[in-house]
C-alpha atoms as a PDB file:
ATOM      1  CA  MET A   1      -5.917   7.019  12.150  1.00  0.00           C
ATOM      2  CA  ALA A   2      -2.982   5.280  11.612  1.00  0.00           C
ATOM      3  CA  ARG A   3      -2.330   4.091   8.462  1.00  0.00           C
ATOM      4  CA  LEU A   4       0.469   2.279   6.074  1.00  0.00           C
ATOM      5  CA  PHE A   5       1.312   1.341   2.641  1.00  0.00           C
ATOM      6  CA  ILE A   6       2.388  -2.658   2.653  1.00  0.00           C
ATOM      7  CA  SER A   7       3.288  -3.802  -0.823  1.00  0.00           C
ATOM      8  CA  GLN A   8       1.767  -6.867  -2.349  1.00  0.00           C
ATOM      9  CA  GLY A   9       5.274  -8.678  -2.515  1.00  0.00           C
ATOM     10  CA  ARG A  10       5.794  -8.364   1.600  1.00  0.00           C
ATOM     11  CA  ILE A  11       2.095  -9.905   2.389  1.00  0.00           C
ATOM     12  CA  ASP A  12       3.290 -12.229   0.497  1.00  0.00           C
ATOM     13  CA  ARG A  13       6.190 -12.994   1.834  1.00  0.00           C
ATOM     14  CA  TRP A  14       4.415 -12.309   5.362  1.00  0.00           C
ATOM     15  CA  LEU A  15       2.154 -15.442   4.653  1.00  0.00           C
ATOM     16  CA  GLU A  16       4.310 -17.754   3.332  1.00  0.00           C
ATOM     17  CA  GLU A  17       6.296 -17.052   6.933  1.00  0.00           C
ATOM     18  CA  GLY A  18       3.137 -17.470   8.692  1.00  0.00           C
ATOM     19  CA  LYS A  19       3.741 -13.387  10.355  1.00  0.00           C
ATOM     20  CA  VAL A  20       0.000 -12.467   9.171  1.00  0.00           C
ATOM     21  CA  ARG A  21      -3.576 -13.638   8.579  1.00  0.00           C
ATOM     22  CA  LEU A  22      -5.825 -12.314   5.816  1.00  0.00           C
ATOM     23  CA  VAL A  23     -10.156 -12.540   6.035  1.00  0.00           C
ATOM     24  CA  GLY A  24     -11.930 -11.066   3.282  1.00  0.00           C
ATOM     25  CA  GLU A  25     -10.259  -7.273   3.366  1.00  0.00           C
ATOM     26  CA  THR A  26      -8.599  -7.558   6.981  1.00  0.00           C
ATOM     27  CA  MET A  27      -5.261  -8.596   7.522  1.00  0.00           C
ATOM     28  CA  THR A  28      -4.065  -9.206  10.993  1.00  0.00           C
ATOM     29  CA  LEU A  29      -0.335  -9.450  13.028  1.00  0.00           C
ATOM     30  CA  PRO A  30      -0.567 -11.740  15.653  1.00  0.00           C
ATOM     31  CA  ALA A  31       2.923 -10.250  16.644  1.00  0.00           C
ATOM     32  CA  LEU A  32       2.100  -6.662  17.184  1.00  0.00           C
ATOM     33  CA  GLY A  33      -1.927  -7.548  18.519  1.00  0.00           C
ATOM     34  CA  ARG A  34      -3.548  -5.331  15.239  1.00  0.00           C
ATOM     35  CA  SER A  35      -5.948  -5.290  12.293  1.00  0.00           C
ATOM     36  CA  PHE A  36      -5.143  -3.657   9.070  1.00  0.00           C
ATOM     37  CA  LYS A  37      -8.350  -3.006   6.820  1.00  0.00           C
ATOM     38  CA  LEU A  38      -6.848  -3.211   3.377  1.00  0.00           C
ATOM     39  CA  LYS A  39      -7.970  -0.857  -0.055  1.00  0.00           C
ATOM     40  CA  ALA A  40      -5.966  -1.435  -2.965  1.00  0.00           C
ATOM     41  CA  ALA A  41      -3.439   1.003  -3.942  1.00  0.00           C
ATOM     42  CA  VAL A  42       0.046   1.938  -5.421  1.00  0.00           C
ATOM     43  CA  HIS A  43       3.077   3.352  -4.508  1.00  0.00           C
ATOM     44  CA  PHE A  44       4.326   5.606  -7.194  1.00  0.00           C
ATOM     45  CA  THR A  45       7.925   5.121  -8.102  1.00  0.00           C
ATOM     46  CA  ARG A  46       9.458   6.911 -11.054  1.00  0.00           C
ATOM     47  CA  ILE A  47       7.801   8.871 -13.798  1.00  0.00           C
ATOM     48  CA  VAL A  48       8.711   6.556 -17.428  1.00  0.00           C
ATOM     49  CA  SER A  49       9.822  10.433 -19.406  1.00  0.00           C
ATOM     50  CA  GLU A  50      12.996  11.973 -18.082  1.00  0.00           C
ATOM     51  CA  ALA A  51      10.260  15.228 -17.917  1.00  0.00           C
ATOM     52  CA  PRO A  52       9.769  16.567 -14.599  1.00  0.00           C
ATOM     53  CA  ASP A  53       6.655  14.756 -12.648  1.00  0.00           C
ATOM     54  CA  PRO A  54       3.630  17.733 -13.687  1.00  0.00           C
ATOM     55  CA  ASN A  55       1.597  15.525 -11.216  1.00  0.00           C
ATOM     56  CA  GLY A  56       3.811  15.613  -8.044  1.00  0.00           C
ATOM     57  CA  LEU A  57       2.839  11.820  -7.166  1.00  0.00           C
ATOM     58  CA  ILE A  58       6.384  10.383  -7.096  1.00  0.00           C
ATOM     59  CA  GLY A  59       6.956   8.898  -3.191  1.00  0.00           C
ATOM     60  CA  ARG A  60       3.068   9.594  -2.759  1.00  0.00           C
ATOM     61  CA  VAL A  61       0.811   6.431  -2.355  1.00  0.00           C
ATOM     62  CA  LYS A  62      -3.028   6.833  -3.833  1.00  0.00           C
ATOM     63  CA  THR A  63      -5.880   4.361  -3.452  1.00  0.00           C
ATOM     64  CA  ARG A  64      -7.516   3.535  -6.439  1.00  0.00           C
ATOM     65  CA  GLU A  65     -10.358   5.005  -5.349  1.00  0.00           C
ATOM     66  CA  GLN A  66      -8.403   8.286  -5.200  1.00  0.00           C
ATOM     67  CA  LEU A  67      -6.827   7.483  -8.831  1.00  0.00           C
ATOM     68  CA  ALA A  68     -10.096   7.329 -10.074  1.00  0.00           C
ATOM     69  CA  ALA A  69     -11.335  10.175  -9.182  1.00  0.00           C
ATOM     70  CA  LEU A  70      -7.779  12.174 -10.726  1.00  0.00           C
ATOM     71  CA  GLY A  71      -8.845   9.881 -13.538  1.00  0.00           C
ATOM     72  CA  ALA A  72      -5.946   7.935 -13.725  1.00  0.00           C
ATOM     73  CA  GLU A  73      -5.866   4.981 -15.289  1.00  0.00           C
ATOM     74  CA  CYS A  74      -4.203   1.585 -14.010  1.00  0.00           C
ATOM     75  CA  TYR A  75      -2.844  -1.376 -16.052  1.00  0.00           C
ATOM     76  CA  ALA A  76      -1.043  -3.707 -13.366  1.00  0.00           C
ATOM     77  CA  SER A  77       1.981  -1.704 -12.380  1.00  0.00           C
ATOM     78  CA  SER A  78       1.960   1.615 -14.524  1.00  0.00           C
ATOM     79  CA  VAL A  79      -0.232   4.744 -14.166  1.00  0.00           C
ATOM     80  CA  LEU A  80      -1.607   6.664 -16.891  1.00  0.00           C
ATOM     81  CA  LEU A  81      -2.820  10.504 -15.711  1.00  0.00           C
ATOM     82  CA  GLY A  82      -2.684  12.655 -18.798  1.00  0.00           C
ATOM     83  CA  GLU A  83       0.010  12.405 -20.703  1.00  0.00           C
ATOM     84  CA  SER A  84       1.970  11.007 -17.934  1.00  0.00           C
ATOM     85  CA  ALA A  85       3.200   7.098 -17.666  1.00  0.00           C
ATOM     86  CA  TYR A  86       4.322   6.174 -14.178  1.00  0.00           C
ATOM     87  CA  GLU A  87       5.771   2.757 -12.665  1.00  0.00           C
ATOM     88  CA  CYS A  88       4.080   1.912  -9.501  1.00  0.00           C
ATOM     89  CA  GLU A  89       4.399  -0.766  -6.895  1.00  0.00           C
ATOM     90  CA  THR A  90       1.117  -2.447  -6.387  1.00  0.00           C
ATOM     91  CA  GLY A  91      -0.810  -3.188  -2.730  1.00  0.00           C
ATOM     92  CA  PHE A  92      -2.472  -2.446  -0.164  1.00  0.00           C
ATOM     93  CA  VAL A  93      -3.184   0.754   2.530  1.00  0.00           C
ATOM     94  CA  GLY A  94      -3.677  -0.982   5.863  1.00  0.00           C
ATOM     95  CA  GLU A  95      -5.802   1.360   8.691  1.00  0.00           C
ATOM     96  CA  VAL A  96      -5.763  -0.065  12.072  1.00  0.00           C
ATOM     97  CA  THR A  97      -8.922  -1.657  13.047  1.00  0.00           C
ATOM     98  CA  GLY A  98      -9.772  -1.635  16.974  1.00  0.00           C
ATOM     99  CA  PRO A  99      -7.973  -0.779  19.892  1.00  0.00           C
ATOM    100  CA  GLN A 100      -4.603   0.311  19.665  1.00  0.00           C
ATOM    101  CA  PRO A 101      -1.885  -0.812  22.575  1.00  0.00           C
ATOM    102  CA  LEU A 102       1.275   1.440  22.998  1.00  0.00           C
ATOM    103  CA  GLY A 103       4.455   1.370  21.005  1.00  0.00           C
ATOM    104  CA  SER A 104       4.904   0.090  17.775  1.00  0.00           C
ATOM    105  CA  GLY A 105       6.212  -3.516  18.423  1.00  0.00           C
ATOM    106  CA  LEU A 106       7.148  -3.822  14.868  1.00  0.00           C
ATOM    107  CA  HIS A 107      10.375  -5.568  16.143  1.00  0.00           C
ATOM    108  CA  ARG A 108       8.447  -8.562  16.645  1.00  0.00           C
ATOM    109  CA  LEU A 109       7.874  -9.070  12.729  1.00  0.00           C
ATOM    110  CA  ALA A 110      11.725  -9.787  12.573  1.00  0.00           C
ATOM    111  CA  GLU A 111      11.001 -12.848  15.402  1.00  0.00           C
END
């Protein structure tokens, strides 16, 4: 199943521009003819210390459920996992719902 990470900032911009509709946990992009079920998630952007990333999370996306299973604690745009602190971008993982039309149609969002 197709999934993508959408930052909170991007969703906010799309809402202001009228490019998306949100109803409960479902985001619809009319220009694409697609809907996505959203789950809260974070995108790991950097580790706060100068040490290497012991958990291999930089560049990865994890849902809140996955973070809880790892024993991680979330605070706004930060995540603590063991002795490691990370800066993260908050947002959502979206999973396509319903039939998936051919082609991405992503170019239509810029119109």
